[in-house]
C-alpha atoms as a PDB file:
ATOM      1  CA  MET A   1     263.237 241.780 237.168  1.00  0.00           C
ATOM      2  CA  ALA A   2     260.942 241.051 234.294  1.00  0.00           C
ATOM      3  CA  LYS A   3     261.336 243.333 231.041  1.00  0.00           C
ATOM      4  CA  LEU A   4     258.874 244.095 228.495  1.00  0.00           C
ATOM      5  CA  ALA A   5     260.168 245.095 224.872  1.00  0.00           C
ATOM      6  CA  LEU A   6     258.255 246.956 222.314  1.00  0.00           C
ATOM      7  CA  GLU A   7     258.864 246.274 218.637  1.00  0.00           C
ATOM      8  CA  MET A   8     258.160 249.177 216.225  1.00  0.00           C
ATOM      9  CA  PRO A   9     258.485 248.932 212.509  1.00  0.00           C
ATOM     10  CA  ASP A  10     261.744 250.916 211.150  1.00  0.00           C
ATOM     11  CA  GLU A  11     259.556 253.263 209.182  1.00  0.00           C
ATOM     12  CA  LEU A  12     257.403 254.178 212.607  1.00  0.00           C
ATOM     13  CA  LEU A  13     260.689 254.897 214.330  1.00  0.00           C
ATOM     14  CA  GLU A  14     262.111 257.235 211.491  1.00  0.00           C
ATOM     15  CA  ALA A  15     259.044 259.018 211.538  1.00  0.00           C
ATOM     16  CA  LEU A  16     259.585 260.173 215.144  1.00  0.00           C
ATOM     17  CA  ARG A  17     262.112 262.761 213.846  1.00  0.00           C
ATOM     18  CA  LEU A  18     264.412 262.228 216.625  1.00  0.00           C
ATOM     19  CA  PRO A  19     267.948 261.159 216.734  1.00  0.00           C
ATOM     20  CA  PRO A  20     268.506 257.302 217.201  1.00  0.00           C
ATOM     21  CA  GLU A  21     270.158 258.028 220.285  1.00  0.00           C
ATOM     22  CA  GLU A  22     267.678 260.211 221.890  1.00  0.00           C
ATOM     23  CA  ARG A  23     264.419 257.542 221.115  1.00  0.00           C
ATOM     24  CA  ALA A  24     264.337 255.084 223.943  1.00  0.00           C
ATOM     25  CA  LYS A  25     264.849 257.792 226.385  1.00  0.00           C
ATOM     26  CA  ARG A  26     262.341 260.097 224.863  1.00  0.00           C
ATOM     27  CA  LEU A  27     259.679 257.392 224.603  1.00  0.00           C
ATOM     28  CA  ARG A  28     260.140 256.063 228.090  1.00  0.00           C
ATOM     29  CA  ARG A  29     259.547 259.770 229.228  1.00  0.00           C
ATOM     30  CA  GLU A  30     256.463 260.083 227.130  1.00  0.00           C
ATOM     31  CA  LEU A  31     255.077 256.681 228.246  1.00  0.00           C
ATOM     32  CA  ALA A  32     255.774 257.555 231.865  1.00  0.00           C
ATOM     33  CA  VAL A  33     253.900 261.121 231.448  1.00  0.00           C
ATOM     34  CA  ARG A  34     250.820 259.432 230.064  1.00  0.00           C
ATOM     35  CA  LEU A  35     250.538 256.623 232.294  1.00  0.00           C
ATOM     36  CA  TYR A  36     250.722 259.088 235.112  1.00  0.00           C
ATOM     37  CA  GLN A  37     248.186 261.217 233.806  1.00  0.00           C
ATOM     38  CA  LYS A  38     245.759 258.566 233.073  1.00  0.00           C
ATOM     39  CA  GLY A  39     246.374 257.513 236.612  1.00  0.00           C
ATOM     40  CA  LEU A  40     247.918 254.171 235.803  1.00  0.00           C
ATOM     41  CA  LEU A  41     251.284 255.008 237.612  1.00  0.00           C
ATOM     42  CA  SER A  42     251.926 256.729 240.827  1.00  0.00           C
ATOM     43  CA  PHE A  43     254.331 259.667 240.377  1.00  0.00           C
ATOM     44  CA  GLY A  44     257.228 257.579 242.297  1.00  0.00           C
ATOM     45  CA  LYS A  45     256.764 254.585 239.508  1.00  0.00           C
ATOM     46  CA  ALA A  46     256.253 257.092 236.612  1.00  0.00           C
ATOM     47  CA  ARG A  47     259.458 259.267 237.545  1.00  0.00           C
ATOM     48  CA  GLU A  48     261.165 255.666 237.837  1.00  0.00           C
ATOM     49  CA  LEU A  49     259.951 254.822 234.341  1.00  0.00           C
ATOM     50  CA  ALA A  50     261.001 257.880 233.108  1.00  0.00           C
ATOM     51  CA  GLY A  51     264.545 257.883 234.832  1.00  0.00           C
ATOM     52  CA  MET A  52     264.236 261.236 236.291  1.00  0.00           C
ATOM     53  CA  GLY A  53     264.639 262.275 239.672  1.00  0.00           C
ATOM     54  CA  LYS A  54     261.473 263.872 241.772  1.00  0.00           C
ATOM     55  CA  TRP A  55     262.193 267.551 241.018  1.00  0.00           C
ATOM     56  CA  GLU A  56     262.941 266.959 237.288  1.00  0.00           C
ATOM     57  CA  PHE A  57     259.906 264.524 236.645  1.00  0.00           C
ATOM     58  CA  HIS A  58     257.576 267.289 238.397  1.00  0.00           C
ATOM     59  CA  ASP A  59     259.007 269.978 236.307  1.00  0.00           C
ATOM     60  CA  LEU A  60     258.460 267.855 233.048  1.00  0.00           C
ATOM     61  CA  LEU A  61     254.905 267.507 234.159  1.00  0.00           C
ATOM     62  CA  GLY A  62     254.426 271.429 234.462  1.00  0.00           C
ATOM     63  CA  GLU A  63     256.066 271.567 231.099  1.00  0.00           C
ATOM     64  CA  GLU A  64     253.608 269.048 229.532  1.00  0.00           C
ATOM     65  CA  GLY A  65     250.637 270.787 231.775  1.00  0.00           C
ATOM     66  CA  ILE A  66     249.908 267.639 233.398  1.00  0.00           C
ATOM     67  CA  VAL A  67     248.343 268.192 236.938  1.00  0.00           C
ATOM     68  CA  ARG A  68     250.092 266.281 239.532  1.00  0.00           C
ATOM     69  CA  HIS A  69     248.103 263.640 241.793  1.00  0.00           C
ATOM     70  CA  TYR A  70     248.884 263.412 245.410  1.00  0.00           C
ATOM     71  CA  ASP A  71     248.292 260.212 246.697  1.00  0.00           C
ATOM     72  CA  LEU A  72     248.999 257.949 250.100  1.00  0.00           C
ATOM     73  CA  GLU A  73     252.082 256.329 248.341  1.00  0.00           C
ATOM     74  CA  ASP A  74     253.491 260.016 247.523  1.00  0.00           C
ATOM     75  CA  LEU A  75     252.796 261.333 250.959  1.00  0.00           C
ATOM     76  CA  ALA A  76     254.429 258.334 252.514  1.00  0.00           C
ATOM     77  CA  GLU A  77     257.653 258.717 250.136  1.00  0.00           C
ATOM     78  CA  ASP A  78     257.424 262.496 251.254  1.00  0.00           C
ATOM     79  CA  LEU A  79     257.376 261.420 254.853  1.00  0.00           C
ATOM     80  CA  LYS A  80     260.165 259.041 254.449  1.00  0.00           C
ATOM     81  CA  THR A  81     262.357 261.600 252.702  1.00  0.00           C
ATOM     82  CA  LEU A  82     261.524 263.843 255.930  1.00  0.00           C
ATOM     83  CA  GLU A  83     262.637 261.228 258.349  1.00  0.00           C
ATOM     84  CA  ASN A  84     265.774 260.483 256.777  1.00  0.00           C
ATOM     85  CA  LEU A  85     266.891 264.178 256.973  1.00  0.00           C
ATOM     86  CA  ASP A  86     266.897 264.140 260.541  1.00  0.00           C
END
């Protein structure tokens, strides 16, 4: 698995006005939402980046006022889920 590290100056991290223990989780979620919004990540991959379940990420998009895109990858994932219910 490839890893990507983002380096930020301390003063920038402190400007986030978030407790240190919440910063990484919040930045991952913000990045996931924006990449999804811009069409750079599918719903499934964005929620994976955010570390959230399907409905939890769907709720987050709603809170952020982001319109959900439904593509072939989403359809395939939903069909796979339905098949597993049998």
